[in-house]
Amino acid sequence: MKLSVLDQSPVSRGSTPADAIAETLALARHCEELGYARYWLSEHHNSASIVGSAPEVLMAAIAATTRRIRIGSAGVMLPHYSALKVAEQFRVLEALAPGRIDLGLGRAPGSDRLTARALNPHASPGADDFPQQIVDLQHWLEGKRMPEGHPYRAITAQPQGPTSPEMWILGSSNYGAQLAAHLGLPYAFAYFFSDGQGVEQALALYRQNYRPSPRFPTPHATICVWALAADTEDEAARQLMTREHWRVRFEQGLFGPLVSPEEAAAHPYTGPERERIAQLRANALVGTGAQVAEKIAALAARLGLSEIVVNTWAFDPAVRRHSYALLAQAFPLSMET
């Protein structure tokens, strides 16, 4: 069983966005030492909660201070960008860390509509160029010539080299699963984003419709879960209050920094908000290291997965680091990627 990490660079009240970015770099080194397989970084924009707006820049910084762990995007929101520019960025990353780069691709805005428009003001409203963008990106990333008649056939994405990044399709619906299957690419389902709704159908569609590719002859899927481990159940439940507070406010369109468990506990929740928190709590992968590991292993067995990506938030960065350490002790993790 492999465990990997998704880091969104969350900001806590009383700290700065720069603190969150510094903690991302520190956590990557920590998780490499613990034996995690991959360290993925999300892309969000115009958010006071999540400040990792440029995963490719963070990846370069992490590549410079690690030696083994795979480093990836989860993901680059491709409709915002030129496929050629993304190919060039990730070919540079591959040159910096050969054989360690993952390129996870999504089509969600990762922001509000106005910010998405500002990121790519030339996008055609309603147009879905995502599949063609991925095909073009694949050619440039792997150093293949475009088909005859393609307008960009003469263009090569530099720097070329003997290896190329591993591409993944990310999603929380059947669309991404079907696209990944059609293109013969690995697939990651955002379980934490959808509270697991639709995961069985998405994975079944992916596996049933998978078309083998030279690099990936068989389907390879994972899911990203939110989990938190602590020394005791009570402490884990207390730390969970931070995310419960954030999630309730997020679902109301409010994007603030993470608050302490004490502030979250003192918040005057409404009846419906308390019902939503009870629902979140019932399904949470939270507890001692052994308890969370058992829940993750059971979920992986049920879904037929050999790798799980773990996303953890905590008001105190030390709590987050300890959570990843407890999970690593409970599994224990292989040092091979």
C-alpha atoms as a PDB file:
ATOM      1  CA  MET A   1       0.000   0.000   0.000  1.00  0.00           C
ATOM      2  CA  LYS A   2       1.349   3.429  -0.975  1.00  0.00           C
ATOM      3  CA  LEU A   3       0.389   6.688   0.660  1.00  0.00           C
ATOM      4  CA  SER A   4       0.857  10.044  -1.024  1.00  0.00           C
ATOM      5  CA  VAL A   5       0.154  13.650  -0.045  1.00  0.00           C
ATOM      6  CA  LEU A   6      -1.988  16.473  -1.434  1.00  0.00           C
ATOM      7  CA  ASP A   7      -0.981  19.855  -0.031  1.00  0.00           C
ATOM      8  CA  GLN A   8      -3.142  22.928  -0.664  1.00  0.00           C
ATOM      9  CA  SER A   9      -1.018  25.428   1.299  1.00  0.00           C
ATOM     10  CA  PRO A  10      -3.811  26.415   3.737  1.00  0.00           C
ATOM     11  CA  VAL A  11      -3.479  29.651   5.715  1.00  0.00           C
ATOM     12  CA  SER A  12      -4.242  29.828   9.445  1.00  0.00           C
ATOM     13  CA  ARG A  13      -5.568  32.948  11.141  1.00  0.00           C
ATOM     14  CA  GLY A  14      -2.706  34.920  12.635  1.00  0.00           C
ATOM     15  CA  SER A  15      -0.172  33.641  10.092  1.00  0.00           C
ATOM     16  CA  THR A  16       0.600  34.922   6.607  1.00  0.00           C
ATOM     17  CA  PRO A  17       0.345  33.409   3.114  1.00  0.00           C
ATOM     18  CA  ALA A  18       4.149  33.419   3.041  1.00  0.00           C
ATOM     19  CA  ASP A  19       4.098  31.259   6.190  1.00  0.00           C
ATOM     20  CA  ALA A  20       1.792  28.794   4.418  1.00  0.00           C
ATOM     21  CA  ILE A  21       4.148  28.541   1.434  1.00  0.00           C
ATOM     22  CA  ALA A  22       7.150  27.999   3.721  1.00  0.00           C
ATOM     23  CA  GLU A  23       5.214  25.264   5.535  1.00  0.00           C
ATOM     24  CA  THR A  24       4.483  23.560   2.209  1.00  0.00           C
ATOM     25  CA  LEU A  25       8.218  23.264   1.533  1.00  0.00           C
ATOM     26  CA  ALA A  26       8.897  22.012   5.053  1.00  0.00           C
ATOM     27  CA  LEU A  27       6.072  19.475   4.922  1.00  0.00           C
ATOM     28  CA  ALA A  28       7.361  18.087   1.615  1.00  0.00           C
ATOM     29  CA  ARG A  29      10.752  17.353   3.165  1.00  0.00           C
ATOM     30  CA  HIS A  30       9.057  15.858   6.232  1.00  0.00           C
ATOM     31  CA  CYS A  31       6.859  13.539   4.138  1.00  0.00           C
ATOM     32  CA  GLU A  32       9.801  12.410   2.030  1.00  0.00           C
ATOM     33  CA  GLU A  33      11.615  11.363   5.204  1.00  0.00           C
ATOM     34  CA  LEU A  34       8.483   9.468   6.309  1.00  0.00           C
ATOM     35  CA  GLY A  35       8.353   7.435   3.076  1.00  0.00           C
ATOM     36  CA  TYR A  36       5.373   8.944   1.237  1.00  0.00           C
ATOM     37  CA  ALA A  37       5.354   8.153  -2.484  1.00  0.00           C
ATOM     38  CA  ARG A  38       4.165  11.434  -4.022  1.00  0.00           C
ATOM     39  CA  TYR A  39       3.742  15.044  -2.972  1.00  0.00           C
ATOM     40  CA  TRP A  40       1.047  16.775  -5.000  1.00  0.00           C
ATOM     41  CA  LEU A  41       0.147  20.471  -4.950  1.00  0.00           C
ATOM     42  CA  SER A  42      -3.213  21.997  -5.804  1.00  0.00           C
ATOM     43  CA  GLU A  43      -3.997  25.105  -7.838  1.00  0.00           C
ATOM     44  CA  HIS A  44      -6.429  27.674  -6.434  1.00  0.00           C
ATOM     45  CA  HIS A  45      -6.830  31.361  -7.147  1.00  0.00           C
ATOM     46  CA  ASN A  46      -8.248  34.410  -5.360  1.00  0.00           C
ATOM     47  CA  SER A  47      -8.648  32.494  -2.087  1.00  0.00           C
ATOM     48  CA  ALA A  48      -7.880  33.665   1.436  1.00  0.00           C
ATOM     49  CA  SER A  49      -7.838  30.018   2.569  1.00  0.00           C
ATOM     50  CA  ILE A  50      -5.697  28.216  -0.009  1.00  0.00           C
ATOM     51  CA  VAL A  51      -2.720  30.106  -1.421  1.00  0.00           C
ATOM     52  CA  GLY A  52      -0.923  27.534  -3.589  1.00  0.00           C
ATOM     53  CA  SER A  53      -1.777  29.382  -6.808  1.00  0.00           C
ATOM     54  CA  ALA A  54       1.242  28.201  -8.829  1.00  0.00           C
ATOM     55  CA  PRO A  55       1.956  24.485  -8.280  1.00  0.00           C
ATOM     56  CA  GLU A  56       4.660  24.424 -10.938  1.00  0.00           C
ATOM     57  CA  VAL A  57       6.680  27.031  -8.993  1.00  0.00           C
ATOM     58  CA  LEU A  58       6.266  25.162  -5.714  1.00  0.00           C
ATOM     59  CA  MET A  59       7.262  21.942  -7.459  1.00  0.00           C
ATOM     60  CA  ALA A  60      10.550  23.482  -8.574  1.00  0.00           C
ATOM     61  CA  ALA A  61      11.320  24.608  -5.027  1.00  0.00           C
ATOM     62  CA  ILE A  62      10.484  21.166  -3.622  1.00  0.00           C
ATOM     63  CA  ALA A  63      12.529  19.418  -6.316  1.00  0.00           C
ATOM     64  CA  ALA A  64      15.563  21.434  -5.218  1.00  0.00           C
ATOM     65  CA  THR A  65      15.304  20.293  -1.598  1.00  0.00           C
ATOM     66  CA  THR A  66      14.242  16.633  -1.959  1.00  0.00           C
ATOM     67  CA  ARG A  67      15.839  13.641  -3.644  1.00  0.00           C
ATOM     68  CA  ARG A  68      13.353  10.742  -3.834  1.00  0.00           C
ATOM     69  CA  ILE A  69       9.686  11.643  -3.509  1.00  0.00           C
ATOM     70  CA  ARG A  70       7.663  12.192  -6.694  1.00  0.00           C
ATOM     71  CA  ILE A  71       6.409  15.765  -7.044  1.00  0.00           C
ATOM     72  CA  GLY A  72       3.241  16.675  -8.888  1.00  0.00           C
ATOM     73  CA  SER A  73       0.379  19.012  -9.611  1.00  0.00           C
ATOM     74  CA  ALA A  74      -3.127  18.139  -8.509  1.00  0.00           C
ATOM     75  CA  GLY A  75      -3.645  19.813 -10.555  1.00  0.00           C
ATOM     76  CA  VAL A  76      -2.917  22.277 -13.293  1.00  0.00           C
ATOM     77  CA  MET A  77      -6.268  23.695 -14.432  1.00  0.00           C
ATOM     78  CA  LEU A  78      -5.483  23.381 -18.127  1.00  0.00           C
ATOM     79  CA  PRO A  79      -8.285  25.551 -19.602  1.00  0.00           C
ATOM     80  CA  HIS A  80      -6.568  28.588 -18.046  1.00  0.00           C
ATOM     81  CA  TYR A  81      -3.373  28.038 -20.034  1.00  0.00           C
ATOM     82  CA  SER A  82      -1.642  27.229 -23.291  1.00  0.00           C
ATOM     83  CA  ALA A  83      -0.862  23.510 -23.578  1.00  0.00           C
ATOM     84  CA  LEU A  84       2.558  24.380 -25.011  1.00  0.00           C
ATOM     85  CA  LYS A  85       3.449  26.595 -22.053  1.00  0.00           C
ATOM     86  CA  VAL A  86       2.437  23.869 -19.587  1.00  0.00           C
ATOM     87  CA  ALA A  87       4.509  21.341 -21.560  1.00  0.00           C
ATOM     88  CA  GLU A  88       7.542  23.624 -21.385  1.00  0.00           C
ATOM     89  CA  GLN A  89       7.114  24.212 -17.649  1.00  0.00           C
ATOM     90  CA  PHE A  90       6.905  20.502 -16.920  1.00  0.00           C
ATOM     91  CA  ARG A  91       9.762  19.595 -19.244  1.00  0.00           C
ATOM     92  CA  VAL A  92      11.885  22.053 -17.240  1.00  0.00           C
ATOM     93  CA  LEU A  93      10.705  20.386 -14.028  1.00  0.00           C
ATOM     94  CA  GLU A  94      11.577  16.979 -15.487  1.00  0.00           C
ATOM     95  CA  ALA A  95      15.083  18.268 -16.236  1.00  0.00           C
ATOM     96  CA  LEU A  96      15.387  19.413 -12.614  1.00  0.00           C
ATOM     97  CA  ALA A  97      14.128  16.129 -11.138  1.00  0.00           C
ATOM     98  CA  PRO A  98      14.276  13.372 -13.781  1.00  0.00           C
ATOM     99  CA  GLY A  99      11.799  10.560 -13.214  1.00  0.00           C
ATOM    100  CA  ARG A 100      10.078  12.330 -10.294  1.00  0.00           C
ATOM    101  CA  ILE A 101       7.537  14.647 -11.923  1.00  0.00           C
ATOM    102  CA  ASP A 102       3.765  14.094 -12.125  1.00  0.00           C
ATOM    103  CA  LEU A 103       1.478  16.332 -14.173  1.00  0.00           C
ATOM    104  CA  GLY A 104      -2.073  16.102 -12.854  1.00  0.00           C
ATOM    105  CA  LEU A 105      -4.595  17.911 -15.047  1.00  0.00           C
ATOM    106  CA  GLY A 106      -8.040  19.242 -14.256  1.00  0.00           C
ATOM    107  CA  ARG A 107     -10.602  21.397 -16.007  1.00  0.00           C
ATOM    108  CA  ALA A 108     -12.334  22.950 -12.961  1.00  0.00           C
ATOM    109  CA  PRO A 109     -11.701  26.683 -12.585  1.00  0.00           C
ATOM    110  CA  GLY A 110     -10.149  26.404  -9.114  1.00  0.00           C
ATOM    111  CA  SER A 111     -11.622  29.840  -8.504  1.00  0.00           C
ATOM    112  CA  ASP A 112     -14.679  31.994  -9.130  1.00  0.00           C
ATOM    113  CA  ARG A 113     -15.876  32.806 -12.662  1.00  0.00           C
ATOM    114  CA  LEU A 114     -14.426  36.319 -12.697  1.00  0.00           C
ATOM    115  CA  THR A 115     -10.982  35.066 -11.654  1.00  0.00           C
ATOM    116  CA  ALA A 116     -11.142  32.306 -14.263  1.00  0.00           C
ATOM    117  CA  ARG A 117     -11.889  34.948 -16.873  1.00  0.00           C
ATOM    118  CA  ALA A 118      -8.952  37.043 -15.693  1.00  0.00           C
ATOM    119  CA  LEU A 119      -6.624  34.032 -15.919  1.00  0.00           C
ATOM    120  CA  ASN A 120      -7.598  33.427 -19.539  1.00  0.00           C
ATOM    121  CA  PRO A 121      -9.555  36.345 -21.002  1.00  0.00           C
ATOM    122  CA  HIS A 122      -9.289  34.827 -24.488  1.00  0.00           C
ATOM    123  CA  ALA A 123     -11.123  31.598 -23.638  1.00  0.00           C
ATOM    124  CA  SER A 124     -14.242  30.868 -25.680  1.00  0.00           C
ATOM    125  CA  PRO A 125     -17.273  30.769 -23.348  1.00  0.00           C
ATOM    126  CA  GLY A 126     -18.871  27.331 -23.319  1.00  0.00           C
ATOM    127  CA  ALA A 127     -16.161  25.734 -25.450  1.00  0.00           C
ATOM    128  CA  ASP A 128     -14.651  22.491 -24.171  1.00  0.00           C
ATOM    129  CA  ASP A 129     -11.141  22.311 -25.608  1.00  0.00           C
ATOM    130  CA  PHE A 130      -9.862  20.264 -22.672  1.00  0.00           C
ATOM    131  CA  PRO A 131      -9.604  16.888 -24.491  1.00  0.00           C
ATOM    132  CA  GLN A 132      -7.707  18.378 -27.443  1.00  0.00           C
ATOM    133  CA  GLN A 133      -5.483  20.363 -25.092  1.00  0.00           C
ATOM    134  CA  ILE A 134      -4.525  17.124 -23.344  1.00  0.00           C
ATOM    135  CA  VAL A 135      -3.757  15.363 -26.619  1.00  0.00           C
ATOM    136  CA  ASP A 136      -1.538  18.257 -27.737  1.00  0.00           C
ATOM    137  CA  LEU A 137       0.119  18.419 -24.325  1.00  0.00           C
ATOM    138  CA  GLN A 138       0.819  14.696 -24.406  1.00  0.00           C
ATOM    139  CA  HIS A 139       2.658  15.012 -27.725  1.00  0.00           C
ATOM    140  CA  TRP A 140       4.766  17.946 -26.531  1.00  0.00           C
ATOM    141  CA  LEU A 141       5.453  16.447 -23.125  1.00  0.00           C
ATOM    142  CA  GLU A 142       6.645  13.114 -24.520  1.00  0.00           C
ATOM    143  CA  GLY A 143       8.582  14.609 -27.449  1.00  0.00           C
ATOM    144  CA  LYS A 144       6.321  13.138 -30.136  1.00  0.00           C
ATOM    145  CA  ARG A 145       5.602  14.789 -33.475  1.00  0.00           C
ATOM    146  CA  MET A 146       2.109  16.113 -33.978  1.00  0.00           C
ATOM    147  CA  PRO A 147      -0.002  14.335 -36.619  1.00  0.00           C
ATOM    148  CA  GLU A 148       0.273  15.363 -40.274  1.00  0.00           C
ATOM    149  CA  GLY A 149      -1.711  18.516 -40.891  1.00  0.00           C
ATOM    150  CA  HIS A 150      -1.571  19.701 -37.274  1.00  0.00           C
ATOM    151  CA  PRO A 151      -0.885  23.457 -37.226  1.00  0.00           C
ATOM    152  CA  TYR A 152       1.769  23.046 -34.512  1.00  0.00           C
ATOM    153  CA  ARG A 153       3.583  20.061 -36.006  1.00  0.00           C
ATOM    154  CA  ALA A 154       6.868  21.985 -36.313  1.00  0.00           C
ATOM    155  CA  ILE A 155       6.977  22.947 -32.611  1.00  0.00           C
ATOM    156  CA  THR A 156       8.988  21.052 -29.977  1.00  0.00           C
ATOM    157  CA  ALA A 157       8.652  21.688 -26.245  1.00  0.00           C
ATOM    158  CA  GLN A 158      12.069  22.194 -24.691  1.00  0.00           C
ATOM    159  CA  PRO A 159      14.105  21.080 -22.880  1.00  0.00           C
ATOM    160  CA  GLN A 160      13.946  17.572 -24.318  1.00  0.00           C
ATOM    161  CA  GLY A 161      15.374  14.633 -22.392  1.00  0.00           C
ATOM    162  CA  PRO A 162      15.263  10.853 -21.944  1.00  0.00           C
ATOM    163  CA  THR A 163      12.355  10.934 -19.480  1.00  0.00           C
ATOM    164  CA  SER A 164       9.023  12.716 -19.362  1.00  0.00           C
ATOM    165  CA  PRO A 165       6.507  13.577 -16.623  1.00  0.00           C
ATOM    166  CA  GLU A 166       3.766  11.110 -15.700  1.00  0.00           C
ATOM    167  CA  MET A 167       0.381  12.514 -16.722  1.00  0.00           C
ATOM    168  CA  TRP A 168      -2.766  12.066 -14.634  1.00  0.00           C
ATOM    169  CA  ILE A 169      -6.363  13.110 -15.190  1.00  0.00           C
ATOM    170  CA  LEU A 170      -8.065  14.489 -12.080  1.00  0.00           C
ATOM    171  CA  GLY A 171     -11.769  14.763 -11.443  1.00  0.00           C
ATOM    172  CA  SER A 172     -14.779  14.277  -9.205  1.00  0.00           C
ATOM    173  CA  SER A 173     -17.262  13.147 -11.868  1.00  0.00           C
ATOM    174  CA  ASN A 174     -17.651  10.586 -14.630  1.00  0.00           C
ATOM    175  CA  TYR A 175     -16.250  12.994 -17.237  1.00  0.00           C
ATOM    176  CA  GLY A 176     -12.654  12.791 -16.045  1.00  0.00           C
ATOM    177  CA  ALA A 177     -12.849   9.030 -15.544  1.00  0.00           C
ATOM    178  CA  GLN A 178     -14.059   8.449 -19.096  1.00  0.00           C
ATOM    179  CA  LEU A 179     -11.487  10.822 -20.572  1.00  0.00           C
ATOM    180  CA  ALA A 180      -8.634   9.165 -18.673  1.00  0.00           C
ATOM    181  CA  ALA A 181      -9.842   5.743 -19.850  1.00  0.00           C
ATOM    182  CA  HIS A 182     -10.063   6.910 -23.467  1.00  0.00           C
ATOM    183  CA  LEU A 183      -6.534   8.345 -23.416  1.00  0.00           C
ATOM    184  CA  GLY A 184      -4.968   5.470 -21.455  1.00  0.00           C
ATOM    185  CA  LEU A 185      -3.862   7.672 -18.560  1.00  0.00           C
ATOM    186  CA  PRO A 186      -3.889   7.270 -14.748  1.00  0.00           C
ATOM    187  CA  TYR A 187      -6.914   8.729 -12.960  1.00  0.00           C
ATOM    188  CA  ALA A 188      -7.306  10.389  -9.546  1.00  0.00           C
ATOM    189  CA  PHE A 189     -10.756  10.935  -8.023  1.00  0.00           C
ATOM    190  CA  ALA A 190     -11.226  13.871  -5.632  1.00  0.00           C
ATOM    191  CA  TYR A 191     -12.964  11.848  -2.915  1.00  0.00           C
ATOM    192  CA  PHE A 192     -12.473  14.587  -0.290  1.00  0.00           C
ATOM    193  CA  PHE A 193     -14.174  17.192  -2.473  1.00  0.00           C
ATOM    194  CA  SER A 194     -17.335  15.205  -3.161  1.00  0.00           C
ATOM    195  CA  ASP A 195     -17.477  13.347   0.192  1.00  0.00           C
ATOM    196  CA  GLY A 196     -17.022  10.185  -1.860  1.00  0.00           C
ATOM    197  CA  GLN A 197     -20.237  10.551  -3.852  1.00  0.00           C
ATOM    198  CA  GLY A 198     -19.937   8.894  -7.253  1.00  0.00           C
ATOM    199  CA  VAL A 199     -16.562   7.273  -6.631  1.00  0.00           C
ATOM    200  CA  GLU A 200     -17.692   3.695  -7.347  1.00  0.00           C
ATOM    201  CA  GLN A 201     -19.302   4.637 -10.649  1.00  0.00           C
ATOM    202  CA  ALA A 202     -16.351   6.774 -11.743  1.00  0.00           C
ATOM    203  CA  LEU A 203     -13.804   4.047 -11.012  1.00  0.00           C
ATOM    204  CA  ALA A 204     -15.973   1.402 -12.697  1.00  0.00           C
ATOM    205  CA  LEU A 205     -16.306   3.517 -15.840  1.00  0.00           C
ATOM    206  CA  TYR A 206     -12.571   4.139 -15.856  1.00  0.00           C
ATOM    207  CA  ARG A 207     -11.666   0.464 -15.544  1.00  0.00           C
ATOM    208  CA  GLN A 208     -14.331  -0.874 -17.894  1.00  0.00           C
ATOM    209  CA  ASN A 209     -13.519   1.568 -20.693  1.00  0.00           C
ATOM    210  CA  TYR A 210      -9.757   1.715 -20.284  1.00  0.00           C
ATOM    211  CA  ARG A 211      -7.780   1.687 -23.534  1.00  0.00           C
ATOM    212  CA  PRO A 212      -4.205   0.477 -22.912  1.00  0.00           C
ATOM    213  CA  SER A 213      -1.443   2.904 -23.873  1.00  0.00           C
ATOM    214  CA  PRO A 214       2.282   2.181 -24.347  1.00  0.00           C
ATOM    215  CA  ARG A 215       3.225   3.844 -21.074  1.00  0.00           C
ATOM    216  CA  PHE A 216       0.224   2.615 -19.076  1.00  0.00           C
ATOM    217  CA  PRO A 217      -0.854  -0.797 -20.389  1.00  0.00           C
ATOM    218  CA  THR A 218      -3.220  -1.298 -17.450  1.00  0.00           C
ATOM    219  CA  PRO A 219      -5.460   1.171 -15.592  1.00  0.00           C
ATOM    220  CA  HIS A 220      -4.055   2.890 -12.530  1.00  0.00           C
ATOM    221  CA  ALA A 221      -6.356   4.833 -10.245  1.00  0.00           C
ATOM    222  CA  THR A 222      -6.202   6.530  -6.888  1.00  0.00           C
ATOM    223  CA  ILE A 223      -8.424   8.707  -4.749  1.00  0.00           C
ATOM    224  CA  CYS A 224      -7.602  11.708  -2.589  1.00  0.00           C
ATOM    225  CA  VAL A 225      -9.121  11.630   0.899  1.00  0.00           C
ATOM    226  CA  TRP A 226      -9.144  14.111   3.771  1.00  0.00           C
ATOM    227  CA  ALA A 227      -7.800  12.513   6.945  1.00  0.00           C
ATOM    228  CA  LEU A 228      -6.356  13.526  10.294  1.00  0.00           C
ATOM    229  CA  ALA A 229      -4.640  11.410  12.923  1.00  0.00           C
ATOM    230  CA  ALA A 230      -3.731  12.371  16.486  1.00  0.00           C
ATOM    231  CA  ASP A 231      -2.480  10.615  19.616  1.00  0.00           C
ATOM    232  CA  THR A 232      -6.032  10.145  20.929  1.00  0.00           C
ATOM    233  CA  GLU A 233      -9.539  10.067  19.480  1.00  0.00           C
ATOM    234  CA  ASP A 234     -10.513  13.092  21.538  1.00  0.00           C
ATOM    235  CA  GLU A 235      -7.584  15.145  20.270  1.00  0.00           C
ATOM    236  CA  ALA A 236      -8.321  14.159  16.676  1.00  0.00           C
ATOM    237  CA  ALA A 237     -11.969  15.182  17.099  1.00  0.00           C
ATOM    238  CA  ARG A 238     -10.859  18.496  18.589  1.00  0.00           C
ATOM    239  CA  GLN A 239      -8.520  19.242  15.685  1.00  0.00           C
ATOM    240  CA  LEU A 240     -11.242  18.276  13.202  1.00  0.00           C
ATOM    241  CA  MET A 241     -13.296  21.269  14.392  1.00  0.00           C
ATOM    242  CA  THR A 242     -11.000  23.563  12.388  1.00  0.00           C
ATOM    243  CA  ARG A 243     -11.929  21.916   9.112  1.00  0.00           C
ATOM    244  CA  GLU A 244     -15.602  21.602  10.046  1.00  0.00           C
ATOM    245  CA  HIS A 245     -15.751  25.356  10.595  1.00  0.00           C
ATOM    246  CA  TRP A 246     -13.993  26.024   7.282  1.00  0.00           C
ATOM    247  CA  ARG A 247     -16.174  23.581   5.338  1.00  0.00           C
ATOM    248  CA  VAL A 248     -19.465  25.023   6.601  1.00  0.00           C
ATOM    249  CA  ARG A 249     -18.348  28.539   5.688  1.00  0.00           C
ATOM    250  CA  PHE A 250     -16.952  27.401   2.327  1.00  0.00           C
ATOM    251  CA  GLU A 251     -20.319  25.907   1.388  1.00  0.00           C
ATOM    252  CA  GLN A 252     -21.818  29.360   2.082  1.00  0.00           C
ATOM    253  CA  GLY A 253     -19.315  31.040  -0.233  1.00  0.00           C
ATOM    254  CA  LEU A 254     -17.108  32.350   2.598  1.00  0.00           C
ATOM    255  CA  PHE A 255     -13.375  31.841   2.141  1.00  0.00           C
ATOM    256  CA  GLY A 256     -11.434  32.741   5.267  1.00  0.00           C
ATOM    257  CA  PRO A 257      -8.280  31.414   6.924  1.00  0.00           C
ATOM    258  CA  LEU A 258      -8.352  28.379   9.199  1.00  0.00           C
ATOM    259  CA  VAL A 259      -9.379  29.096  12.780  1.00  0.00           C
ATOM    260  CA  SER A 260      -8.209  27.350  15.944  1.00  0.00           C
ATOM    261  CA  PRO A 261     -10.214  24.439  17.373  1.00  0.00           C
ATOM    262  CA  GLU A 262     -11.150  26.699  20.300  1.00  0.00           C
ATOM    263  CA  GLU A 263     -12.540  29.401  18.016  1.00  0.00           C
ATOM    264  CA  ALA A 264     -14.373  26.804  15.944  1.00  0.00           C
ATOM    265  CA  ALA A 265     -15.928  25.279  19.081  1.00  0.00           C
ATOM    266  CA  ALA A 266     -17.144  28.694  20.232  1.00  0.00           C
ATOM    267  CA  HIS A 267     -18.733  29.585  16.893  1.00  0.00           C
ATOM    268  CA  PRO A 268     -22.541  30.140  17.105  1.00  0.00           C
ATOM    269  CA  TYR A 269     -23.614  27.552  14.525  1.00  0.00           C
ATOM    270  CA  THR A 270     -27.199  27.443  13.321  1.00  0.00           C
ATOM    271  CA  GLY A 271     -29.277  24.273  13.432  1.00  0.00           C
ATOM    272  CA  PRO A 272     -28.688  23.409   9.758  1.00  0.00           C
ATOM    273  CA  GLU A 273     -24.976  24.089  10.178  1.00  0.00           C
ATOM    274  CA  ARG A 274     -24.806  21.699  13.123  1.00  0.00           C
ATOM    275  CA  GLU A 275     -26.595  19.057  11.038  1.00  0.00           C
ATOM    276  CA  ARG A 276     -24.018  19.508   8.284  1.00  0.00           C
ATOM    277  CA  ILE A 277     -21.178  19.182  10.790  1.00  0.00           C
ATOM    278  CA  ALA A 278     -22.705  15.986  12.173  1.00  0.00           C
ATOM    279  CA  GLN A 279     -22.816  14.614   8.639  1.00  0.00           C
ATOM    280  CA  LEU A 280     -19.179  15.529   8.013  1.00  0.00           C
ATOM    281  CA  ARG A 281     -18.134  14.037  11.348  1.00  0.00           C
ATOM    282  CA  ALA A 282     -19.898  10.732  10.689  1.00  0.00           C
ATOM    283  CA  ASN A 283     -17.898  10.138   7.503  1.00  0.00           C
ATOM    284  CA  ALA A 284     -14.560  11.639   8.588  1.00  0.00           C
ATOM    285  CA  LEU A 285     -11.330   9.637   8.419  1.00  0.00           C
ATOM    286  CA  VAL A 286     -10.257  10.850  11.845  1.00  0.00           C
ATOM    287  CA  GLY A 287      -8.874   9.175  14.973  1.00  0.00           C
ATOM    288  CA  THR A 288      -5.626   7.672  16.197  1.00  0.00           C
ATOM    289  CA  GLY A 289      -3.014   6.684  13.648  1.00  0.00           C
ATOM    290  CA  ALA A 290      -4.060   3.044  13.803  1.00  0.00           C
ATOM    291  CA  GLN A 291      -7.751   3.899  13.480  1.00  0.00           C
ATOM    292  CA  VAL A 292      -7.268   6.182  10.472  1.00  0.00           C
ATOM    293  CA  ALA A 293      -4.944   3.675   8.814  1.00  0.00           C
ATOM    294  CA  GLU A 294      -7.571   0.956   9.268  1.00  0.00           C
ATOM    295  CA  LYS A 295     -10.252   3.175   7.685  1.00  0.00           C
ATOM    296  CA  ILE A 296      -8.004   4.074   4.762  1.00  0.00           C
ATOM    297  CA  ALA A 297      -6.987   0.444   4.200  1.00  0.00           C
ATOM    298  CA  ALA A 298     -10.642  -0.639   4.241  1.00  0.00           C
ATOM    299  CA  LEU A 299     -11.559   2.061   1.741  1.00  0.00           C
ATOM    300  CA  ALA A 300      -8.672   1.077  -0.529  1.00  0.00           C
ATOM    301  CA  ALA A 301      -9.675  -2.599  -0.364  1.00  0.00           C
ATOM    302  CA  ARG A 302     -13.315  -1.787  -1.141  1.00  0.00           C
ATOM    303  CA  LEU A 303     -12.351   0.280  -4.181  1.00  0.00           C
ATOM    304  CA  GLY A 304      -9.501  -1.969  -5.350  1.00  0.00           C
ATOM    305  CA  LEU A 305      -6.764   0.652  -4.905  1.00  0.00           C
ATOM    306  CA  SER A 306      -3.083   0.210  -4.129  1.00  0.00           C
ATOM    307  CA  GLU A 307      -2.425   3.907  -3.442  1.00  0.00           C
ATOM    308  CA  ILE A 308      -4.274   6.622  -1.523  1.00  0.00           C
ATOM    309  CA  VAL A 309      -3.502  10.348  -1.524  1.00  0.00           C
ATOM    310  CA  VAL A 310      -4.047  12.059   1.837  1.00  0.00           C
ATOM    311  CA  ASN A 311      -4.948  15.709   2.349  1.00  0.00           C
ATOM    312  CA  THR A 312      -4.713  17.030   5.918  1.00  0.00           C
ATOM    313  CA  TRP A 313      -5.443  20.495   7.315  1.00  0.00           C
ATOM    314  CA  ALA A 314      -4.791  21.737  10.830  1.00  0.00           C
ATOM    315  CA  PHE A 315      -4.633  25.159  12.423  1.00  0.00           C
ATOM    316  CA  ASP A 316      -1.196  24.356  13.849  1.00  0.00           C
ATOM    317  CA  PRO A 317       1.312  23.085  11.236  1.00  0.00           C
ATOM    318  CA  ALA A 318       2.881  20.836  13.882  1.00  0.00           C
ATOM    319  CA  VAL A 319      -0.435  18.980  14.220  1.00  0.00           C
ATOM    320  CA  ARG A 320      -0.513  18.339  10.473  1.00  0.00           C
ATOM    321  CA  ARG A 321       3.066  17.061  10.437  1.00  0.00           C
ATOM    322  CA  HIS A 322       2.339  14.767  13.391  1.00  0.00           C
ATOM    323  CA  SER A 323      -0.730  13.398  11.616  1.00  0.00           C
ATOM    324  CA  TYR A 324       1.318  12.381   8.580  1.00  0.00           C
ATOM    325  CA  ALA A 325       3.926  10.838  10.879  1.00  0.00           C
ATOM    326  CA  LEU A 326       1.306   8.758  12.711  1.00  0.00           C
ATOM    327  CA  LEU A 327      -0.090   7.430   9.422  1.00  0.00           C
ATOM    328  CA  ALA A 328       3.396   6.577   8.187  1.00  0.00           C
ATOM    329  CA  GLN A 329       4.047   4.624  11.393  1.00  0.00           C
ATOM    330  CA  ALA A 330       0.754   2.782  11.079  1.00  0.00           C
ATOM    331  CA  PHE A 331       1.219   1.590   7.510  1.00  0.00           C
ATOM    332  CA  PRO A 332       4.532   1.469   7.419  1.00  0.00           C
ATOM    333  CA  LEU A 333       5.557   3.020   4.119  1.00  0.00           C
ATOM    334  CA  SER A 334       8.028   1.792   1.526  1.00  0.00           C
ATOM    335  CA  MET A 335      10.856   4.140   0.593  1.00  0.00           C
ATOM    336  CA  GLU A 336      10.408   3.209  -3.088  1.00  0.00           C
ATOM    337  CA  THR A 337       8.283   5.434  -5.328  1.00  0.00           C
END
